[in-house]
N, C-alpha and C. Protein backbone atom coordinates (compact mmCIF):
# COMPACT_ATOMS: atom_id res chain seq x y z
N MET A 1 -18.65 -8.54 43.86
CA MET A 1 -18.67 -9.99 43.97
C MET A 1 -18.10 -10.60 42.69
N THR A 2 -17.46 -11.70 42.88
CA THR A 2 -16.89 -12.40 41.73
C THR A 2 -17.93 -13.34 41.13
N VAL A 3 -17.64 -13.79 39.95
CA VAL A 3 -18.54 -14.73 39.27
C VAL A 3 -18.71 -15.98 40.11
N LEU A 4 -17.63 -16.45 40.69
CA LEU A 4 -17.69 -17.67 41.51
C LEU A 4 -18.57 -17.47 42.74
N SER A 5 -18.45 -16.35 43.40
CA SER A 5 -19.28 -16.12 44.59
C SER A 5 -20.74 -15.93 44.20
N ASN A 6 -21.00 -15.31 43.05
CA ASN A 6 -22.38 -15.19 42.57
C ASN A 6 -22.98 -16.56 42.27
N LEU A 7 -22.20 -17.41 41.65
CA LEU A 7 -22.65 -18.75 41.33
C LEU A 7 -22.91 -19.56 42.61
N ARG A 8 -22.01 -19.43 43.56
CA ARG A 8 -22.17 -20.14 44.84
C ARG A 8 -23.45 -19.68 45.55
N ALA A 9 -23.71 -18.39 45.56
CA ALA A 9 -24.91 -17.86 46.19
C ALA A 9 -26.17 -18.36 45.48
N ALA A 10 -26.13 -18.40 44.16
CA ALA A 10 -27.28 -18.89 43.39
C ALA A 10 -27.55 -20.36 43.68
N VAL A 11 -26.51 -21.16 43.78
CA VAL A 11 -26.66 -22.58 44.08
C VAL A 11 -27.24 -22.78 45.48
N GLN A 12 -26.77 -21.99 46.43
CA GLN A 12 -27.27 -22.09 47.80
C GLN A 12 -28.75 -21.69 47.87
N LYS A 13 -29.11 -20.64 47.15
CA LYS A 13 -30.51 -20.21 47.14
C LYS A 13 -31.40 -21.26 46.48
N ARG A 14 -30.92 -21.86 45.40
CA ARG A 14 -31.72 -22.89 44.72
C ARG A 14 -31.91 -24.09 45.63
N ALA A 15 -30.88 -24.47 46.37
CA ALA A 15 -31.00 -25.59 47.31
C ALA A 15 -32.01 -25.26 48.41
N ALA A 16 -31.97 -24.03 48.91
CA ALA A 16 -32.93 -23.60 49.93
C ALA A 16 -34.35 -23.60 49.37
N TYR A 17 -34.50 -23.15 48.13
CA TYR A 17 -35.81 -23.15 47.47
C TYR A 17 -36.34 -24.58 47.36
N ASN A 18 -35.51 -25.49 46.86
CA ASN A 18 -35.94 -26.89 46.69
C ASN A 18 -36.32 -27.51 48.03
N ARG A 19 -35.52 -27.25 49.06
CA ARG A 19 -35.78 -27.81 50.39
C ARG A 19 -37.10 -27.25 50.95
N THR A 20 -37.30 -25.95 50.83
CA THR A 20 -38.51 -25.32 51.35
C THR A 20 -39.74 -25.82 50.60
N LYS A 21 -39.65 -25.89 49.30
CA LYS A 21 -40.78 -26.37 48.48
C LYS A 21 -41.15 -27.80 48.86
N ARG A 22 -40.14 -28.66 49.00
CA ARG A 22 -40.38 -30.05 49.37
C ARG A 22 -41.03 -30.16 50.75
N GLU A 23 -40.56 -29.35 51.70
CA GLU A 23 -41.13 -29.39 53.05
C GLU A 23 -42.58 -28.95 53.05
N ILE A 24 -42.91 -27.95 52.26
CA ILE A 24 -44.31 -27.51 52.17
C ILE A 24 -45.16 -28.60 51.53
N GLU A 25 -44.66 -29.19 50.46
CA GLU A 25 -45.43 -30.24 49.77
C GLU A 25 -45.63 -31.47 50.66
N GLU A 26 -44.69 -31.76 51.53
CA GLU A 26 -44.77 -32.95 52.39
C GLU A 26 -45.41 -32.68 53.75
N MET A 27 -45.80 -31.43 53.98
CA MET A 27 -46.41 -31.06 55.25
C MET A 27 -47.73 -31.81 55.43
N PRO A 28 -48.00 -32.31 56.62
CA PRO A 28 -49.29 -32.97 56.85
C PRO A 28 -50.45 -32.02 56.51
N LEU A 29 -51.47 -32.56 55.91
CA LEU A 29 -52.58 -31.76 55.43
C LEU A 29 -53.24 -30.96 56.55
N GLU A 30 -53.36 -31.54 57.74
CA GLU A 30 -53.98 -30.84 58.87
C GLU A 30 -53.20 -29.58 59.24
N ILE A 31 -51.89 -29.68 59.24
CA ILE A 31 -51.05 -28.54 59.58
C ILE A 31 -51.15 -27.47 58.49
N ALA A 32 -51.11 -27.91 57.24
CA ALA A 32 -51.23 -26.96 56.13
C ALA A 32 -52.56 -26.21 56.22
N ARG A 33 -53.62 -26.91 56.51
CA ARG A 33 -54.93 -26.25 56.65
C ARG A 33 -54.92 -25.24 57.78
N ASP A 34 -54.34 -25.63 58.93
CA ASP A 34 -54.26 -24.71 60.07
C ASP A 34 -53.50 -23.43 59.71
N LEU A 35 -52.50 -23.56 58.86
CA LEU A 35 -51.69 -22.40 58.45
C LEU A 35 -52.28 -21.67 57.25
N GLY A 36 -53.35 -22.22 56.68
CA GLY A 36 -53.97 -21.60 55.52
C GLY A 36 -53.15 -21.76 54.25
N ILE A 37 -52.44 -22.89 54.17
CA ILE A 37 -51.55 -23.15 53.04
C ILE A 37 -52.13 -24.28 52.20
N SER A 38 -52.09 -24.09 50.89
CA SER A 38 -52.44 -25.15 49.97
C SER A 38 -51.14 -25.73 49.41
N ARG A 39 -51.07 -27.01 49.27
CA ARG A 39 -49.85 -27.62 48.73
C ARG A 39 -49.55 -27.13 47.32
N SER A 40 -50.58 -26.72 46.62
CA SER A 40 -50.35 -26.20 45.26
C SER A 40 -49.65 -24.84 45.30
N ASP A 41 -49.60 -24.20 46.45
CA ASP A 41 -48.91 -22.92 46.61
C ASP A 41 -47.44 -23.10 46.98
N ALA A 42 -46.96 -24.32 47.05
CA ALA A 42 -45.61 -24.59 47.54
C ALA A 42 -44.53 -23.86 46.75
N ALA A 43 -44.61 -23.87 45.44
CA ALA A 43 -43.58 -23.21 44.63
C ALA A 43 -43.57 -21.71 44.87
N ARG A 44 -44.74 -21.10 44.92
CA ARG A 44 -44.82 -19.65 45.14
C ARG A 44 -44.32 -19.28 46.53
N LEU A 45 -44.74 -20.02 47.53
CA LEU A 45 -44.32 -19.72 48.90
C LEU A 45 -42.82 -19.91 49.08
N ALA A 46 -42.28 -20.96 48.49
CA ALA A 46 -40.84 -21.20 48.59
C ALA A 46 -40.06 -20.09 47.90
N ALA A 47 -40.53 -19.66 46.74
CA ALA A 47 -39.85 -18.59 46.02
C ALA A 47 -39.88 -17.29 46.82
N GLU A 48 -41.02 -16.98 47.41
CA GLU A 48 -41.12 -15.77 48.23
C GLU A 48 -40.19 -15.84 49.43
N ALA A 49 -40.13 -17.01 50.06
CA ALA A 49 -39.30 -17.17 51.25
C ALA A 49 -37.82 -17.04 50.94
N VAL A 50 -37.40 -17.57 49.82
CA VAL A 50 -35.97 -17.62 49.50
C VAL A 50 -35.51 -16.40 48.70
N TYR A 51 -36.29 -16.03 47.69
CA TYR A 51 -35.87 -14.97 46.79
C TYR A 51 -36.46 -13.60 47.11
N GLY A 52 -37.45 -13.62 47.98
CA GLY A 52 -38.04 -12.33 48.38
C GLY A 52 -39.22 -11.92 47.58
């Protein structure tokens, strides 16, 4: 992979991370409870989902 393609992939992953984190943080509390998710876990869950 070239430097440019690595950079592009990193930017895409960061955008996916930010989007996922925001969606978890904005999830209605009732739904989060049903899923067993705490909004304070948003960063960790987003990182796991995007970066593995």
